[in-house]
């Protein structure tokens, strides 16, 4: 659900940037007005509608492999704020190393009431604040 000041974080492993971008691709309509829905949308939002979140407020990219939550998100625009908040959710580090991150800003993903494909190539990590004045943290 939309939530100002919160970012939802997914991590995965992809061989190439093209593979990640194909998974978390831009959405819209083709020439025949058929919906073009990304696999990411299908896996975590049900794929019923184009853009389950505001497409102007998300980032995704490959990073160096790491199991450290702070290092994982540091390269992103709000990484210096997201990193410490994510570290609070995973004080002992992540269960495994990842090299890809998807961040959806102003959106609080609720794992309990949301769709989650068990075969998805990314894992939802947590929803954390990306603004220093936000105190709410929700992790899985």
C-alpha atoms as a PDB file:
ATOM      1  CA  UNK A   1       0.000   0.000   0.000  1.00  0.00           C
ATOM      2  CA  UNK A   2       1.171   3.531  -0.623  1.00  0.00           C
ATOM      3  CA  UNK A   3       3.008   4.949   2.383  1.00  0.00           C
ATOM      4  CA  UNK A   4       4.953   8.204   2.182  1.00  0.00           C
ATOM      5  CA  UNK A   5       8.534   7.930   3.464  1.00  0.00           C
ATOM      6  CA  UNK A   6       8.695   4.120   3.343  1.00  0.00           C
ATOM      7  CA  UNK A   7      10.683   2.035   0.872  1.00  0.00           C
ATOM      8  CA  UNK A   8      10.110  -1.658   0.244  1.00  0.00           C
ATOM      9  CA  UNK A   9      13.265  -3.626  -0.497  1.00  0.00           C
ATOM     10  CA  UNK A  10      13.701  -6.810  -2.525  1.00  0.00           C
ATOM     11  CA  UNK A  11      17.010  -8.586  -3.212  1.00  0.00           C
ATOM     12  CA  UNK A  12      17.945 -11.304  -5.645  1.00  0.00           C
ATOM     13  CA  UNK A  13      20.655 -12.836  -7.781  1.00  0.00           C
ATOM     14  CA  UNK A  14      20.848 -12.116 -11.516  1.00  0.00           C
ATOM     15  CA  UNK A  15      23.592 -12.893 -14.008  1.00  0.00           C
ATOM     16  CA  UNK A  16      23.231  -9.659 -15.986  1.00  0.00           C
ATOM     17  CA  UNK A  17      21.649  -6.249 -15.726  1.00  0.00           C
ATOM     18  CA  UNK A  18      19.518  -7.190 -18.731  1.00  0.00           C
ATOM     19  CA  UNK A  19      18.117 -10.178 -16.807  1.00  0.00           C
ATOM     20  CA  UNK A  20      17.170  -7.941 -13.885  1.00  0.00           C
ATOM     21  CA  UNK A  21      15.607  -5.331 -16.168  1.00  0.00           C
ATOM     22  CA  UNK A  22      13.611  -8.009 -17.988  1.00  0.00           C
ATOM     23  CA  UNK A  23      12.283  -9.219 -14.640  1.00  0.00           C
ATOM     24  CA  UNK A  24      11.542  -5.767 -13.215  1.00  0.00           C
ATOM     25  CA  UNK A  25      10.598  -4.159 -16.514  1.00  0.00           C
ATOM     26  CA  UNK A  26       8.620  -1.091 -17.437  1.00  0.00           C
ATOM     27  CA  UNK A  27       4.893  -1.693 -17.745  1.00  0.00           C
ATOM     28  CA  UNK A  28       2.198  -0.259 -19.945  1.00  0.00           C
ATOM     29  CA  UNK A  29       0.070  -1.168 -22.937  1.00  0.00           C
ATOM     30  CA  UNK A  30       0.998  -2.490 -26.352  1.00  0.00           C
ATOM     31  CA  UNK A  31      -0.391  -1.223 -29.684  1.00  0.00           C
ATOM     32  CA  UNK A  32      -3.484  -3.384 -29.256  1.00  0.00           C
ATOM     33  CA  UNK A  33      -4.124  -2.012 -25.743  1.00  0.00           C
ATOM     34  CA  UNK A  34      -3.073  -5.272 -24.060  1.00  0.00           C
ATOM     35  CA  UNK A  35      -1.472  -4.802 -20.640  1.00  0.00           C
ATOM     36  CA  UNK A  36       2.264  -5.375 -20.430  1.00  0.00           C
ATOM     37  CA  UNK A  37       2.907  -6.559 -16.881  1.00  0.00           C
ATOM     38  CA  UNK A  38       6.380  -7.308 -15.523  1.00  0.00           C
ATOM     39  CA  UNK A  39       7.236 -10.665 -13.952  1.00  0.00           C
ATOM     40  CA  UNK A  40       8.011  -8.708 -10.752  1.00  0.00           C
ATOM     41  CA  UNK A  41       4.429  -7.402 -10.715  1.00  0.00           C
ATOM     42  CA  UNK A  42       3.080 -10.935 -11.239  1.00  0.00           C
ATOM     43  CA  UNK A  43       5.245 -12.353  -8.454  1.00  0.00           C
ATOM     44  CA  UNK A  44       4.504  -9.738  -5.779  1.00  0.00           C
ATOM     45  CA  UNK A  45       1.427  -7.733  -6.765  1.00  0.00           C
ATOM     46  CA  UNK A  46      -0.761 -10.256  -8.586  1.00  0.00           C
ATOM     47  CA  UNK A  47      -0.300  -8.848 -12.088  1.00  0.00           C
ATOM     48  CA  UNK A  48      -3.875  -7.597 -12.239  1.00  0.00           C
ATOM     49  CA  UNK A  49      -3.051  -4.011 -13.087  1.00  0.00           C
ATOM     50  CA  UNK A  50      -0.314  -1.986 -14.717  1.00  0.00           C
ATOM     51  CA  UNK A  51       1.911  -0.411 -12.071  1.00  0.00           C
ATOM     52  CA  UNK A  52       0.769  -1.488  -8.637  1.00  0.00           C
ATOM     53  CA  UNK A  53       2.992   1.325  -7.346  1.00  0.00           C
ATOM     54  CA  UNK A  54       4.068   4.719  -8.680  1.00  0.00           C
ATOM     55  CA  UNK A  55       6.593   3.984 -11.473  1.00  0.00           C
ATOM     56  CA  UNK A  56       8.312   7.316 -10.878  1.00  0.00           C
ATOM     57  CA  UNK A  57       9.508   6.122  -7.478  1.00  0.00           C
ATOM     58  CA  UNK A  58      11.472   2.918  -7.859  1.00  0.00           C
ATOM     59  CA  UNK A  59      15.045   1.881  -8.489  1.00  0.00           C
ATOM     60  CA  UNK A  60      16.609  -1.410  -9.462  1.00  0.00           C
ATOM     61  CA  UNK A  61      20.160  -2.350 -10.294  1.00  0.00           C
ATOM     62  CA  UNK A  62      22.934  -4.873  -9.897  1.00  0.00           C
ATOM     63  CA  UNK A  63      25.426  -4.352  -7.089  1.00  0.00           C
ATOM     64  CA  UNK A  64      28.447  -6.257  -5.799  1.00  0.00           C
ATOM     65  CA  UNK A  65      27.553  -9.533  -4.078  1.00  0.00           C
ATOM     66  CA  UNK A  66      27.050  -8.994  -0.361  1.00  0.00           C
ATOM     67  CA  UNK A  67      25.132 -10.347   2.610  1.00  0.00           C
ATOM     68  CA  UNK A  68      25.514  -7.026   4.435  1.00  0.00           C
ATOM     69  CA  UNK A  69      22.201  -5.137   4.209  1.00  0.00           C
ATOM     70  CA  UNK A  70      23.842  -1.698   4.470  1.00  0.00           C
ATOM     71  CA  UNK A  71      26.330  -2.402   1.683  1.00  0.00           C
ATOM     72  CA  UNK A  72      23.580  -3.875  -0.488  1.00  0.00           C
ATOM     73  CA  UNK A  73      21.591  -0.632  -0.714  1.00  0.00           C
ATOM     74  CA  UNK A  74      24.389   1.934  -0.359  1.00  0.00           C
ATOM     75  CA  UNK A  75      24.713   2.620  -4.133  1.00  0.00           C
ATOM     76  CA  UNK A  76      21.085   3.804  -4.348  1.00  0.00           C
ATOM     77  CA  UNK A  77      19.850   7.374  -4.028  1.00  0.00           C
ATOM     78  CA  UNK A  78      18.692   7.020  -0.403  1.00  0.00           C
ATOM     79  CA  UNK A  79      21.055   4.170   0.468  1.00  0.00           C
ATOM     80  CA  UNK A  80      22.763   6.041   3.306  1.00  0.00           C
ATOM     81  CA  UNK A  81      19.402   6.205   5.126  1.00  0.00           C
ATOM     82  CA  UNK A  82      17.944   2.872   3.984  1.00  0.00           C
ATOM     83  CA  UNK A  83      21.086   0.914   4.903  1.00  0.00           C
ATOM     84  CA  UNK A  84      21.068   1.525   8.675  1.00  0.00           C
ATOM     85  CA  UNK A  85      17.286   0.965   8.818  1.00  0.00           C
ATOM     86  CA  UNK A  86      17.639  -2.313   6.919  1.00  0.00           C
ATOM     87  CA  UNK A  87      20.542  -3.331   9.168  1.00  0.00           C
ATOM     88  CA  UNK A  88      18.202  -3.020  12.184  1.00  0.00           C
ATOM     89  CA  UNK A  89      15.987  -5.656  10.554  1.00  0.00           C
ATOM     90  CA  UNK A  90      18.966  -7.937   9.900  1.00  0.00           C
ATOM     91  CA  UNK A  91      21.560  -7.204  12.609  1.00  0.00           C
ATOM     92  CA  UNK A  92      23.448 -10.422  11.844  1.00  0.00           C
ATOM     93  CA  UNK A  93      23.375  -9.885   8.092  1.00  0.00           C
ATOM     94  CA  UNK A  94      21.262 -11.464   5.398  1.00  0.00           C
ATOM     95  CA  UNK A  95      20.919 -15.237   5.107  1.00  0.00           C
ATOM     96  CA  UNK A  96      22.826 -15.190   1.815  1.00  0.00           C
ATOM     97  CA  UNK A  97      24.635 -12.837  -0.524  1.00  0.00           C
ATOM     98  CA  UNK A  98      22.699 -10.951  -3.205  1.00  0.00           C
ATOM     99  CA  UNK A  99      23.758  -8.893  -6.210  1.00  0.00           C
ATOM    100  CA  UNK A 100      20.474  -7.238  -7.230  1.00  0.00           C
ATOM    101  CA  UNK A 101      18.153  -4.811  -5.489  1.00  0.00           C
ATOM    102  CA  UNK A 102      14.677  -3.491  -6.250  1.00  0.00           C
ATOM    103  CA  UNK A 103      13.509  -0.511  -4.200  1.00  0.00           C
ATOM    104  CA  UNK A 104       9.914   0.748  -4.340  1.00  0.00           C
ATOM    105  CA  UNK A 105       9.602   4.130  -2.643  1.00  0.00           C
ATOM    106  CA  UNK A 106       6.465   5.404  -0.906  1.00  0.00           C
ATOM    107  CA  UNK A 107       5.156   1.873  -0.736  1.00  0.00           C
ATOM    108  CA  UNK A 108       4.859  -0.434   2.250  1.00  0.00           C
ATOM    109  CA  UNK A 109       4.740  -3.992   1.022  1.00  0.00           C
ATOM    110  CA  UNK A 110       2.881  -6.198   3.472  1.00  0.00           C
ATOM    111  CA  UNK A 111       4.121  -9.760   3.156  1.00  0.00           C
ATOM    112  CA  UNK A 112       1.234 -11.100   5.242  1.00  0.00           C
ATOM    113  CA  UNK A 113      -1.514  -9.771   2.985  1.00  0.00           C
ATOM    114  CA  UNK A 114       0.292  -9.667  -0.349  1.00  0.00           C
ATOM    115  CA  UNK A 115       0.926 -12.128  -3.100  1.00  0.00           C
ATOM    116  CA  UNK A 116       4.338 -13.739  -3.111  1.00  0.00           C
ATOM    117  CA  UNK A 117       5.422 -16.312  -5.664  1.00  0.00           C
ATOM    118  CA  UNK A 118       7.617 -19.000  -4.114  1.00  0.00           C
ATOM    119  CA  UNK A 119       9.546 -19.202  -7.400  1.00  0.00           C
ATOM    120  CA  UNK A 120      10.339 -15.490  -7.608  1.00  0.00           C
ATOM    121  CA  UNK A 121      14.010 -14.710  -8.285  1.00  0.00           C
ATOM    122  CA  UNK A 122      13.923 -11.967  -5.653  1.00  0.00           C
ATOM    123  CA  UNK A 123      13.082 -12.038  -1.956  1.00  0.00           C
ATOM    124  CA  UNK A 124      11.205  -9.335  -0.098  1.00  0.00           C
ATOM    125  CA  UNK A 125      13.485  -8.149   2.704  1.00  0.00           C
ATOM    126  CA  UNK A 126      11.648  -5.355   4.512  1.00  0.00           C
ATOM    127  CA  UNK A 127       9.831  -2.047   4.358  1.00  0.00           C
ATOM    128  CA  UNK A 128      11.906   0.644   6.066  1.00  0.00           C
ATOM    129  CA  UNK A 129      11.968   4.436   6.269  1.00  0.00           C
ATOM    130  CA  UNK A 130      13.992   6.366   3.720  1.00  0.00           C
ATOM    131  CA  UNK A 131      13.450   9.730   5.367  1.00  0.00           C
ATOM    132  CA  UNK A 132      15.301  10.447   8.578  1.00  0.00           C
ATOM    133  CA  UNK A 133      12.166  11.695  10.345  1.00  0.00           C
ATOM    134  CA  UNK A 134      10.305   8.392   9.831  1.00  0.00           C
ATOM    135  CA  UNK A 135      10.485   5.921  12.724  1.00  0.00           C
ATOM    136  CA  UNK A 136       8.294   3.078  11.469  1.00  0.00           C
ATOM    137  CA  UNK A 137      10.031  -0.139  10.436  1.00  0.00           C
ATOM    138  CA  UNK A 138       8.222  -3.274   9.184  1.00  0.00           C
ATOM    139  CA  UNK A 139      10.147  -6.371   8.235  1.00  0.00           C
ATOM    140  CA  UNK A 140       9.236  -9.925   7.441  1.00  0.00           C
END
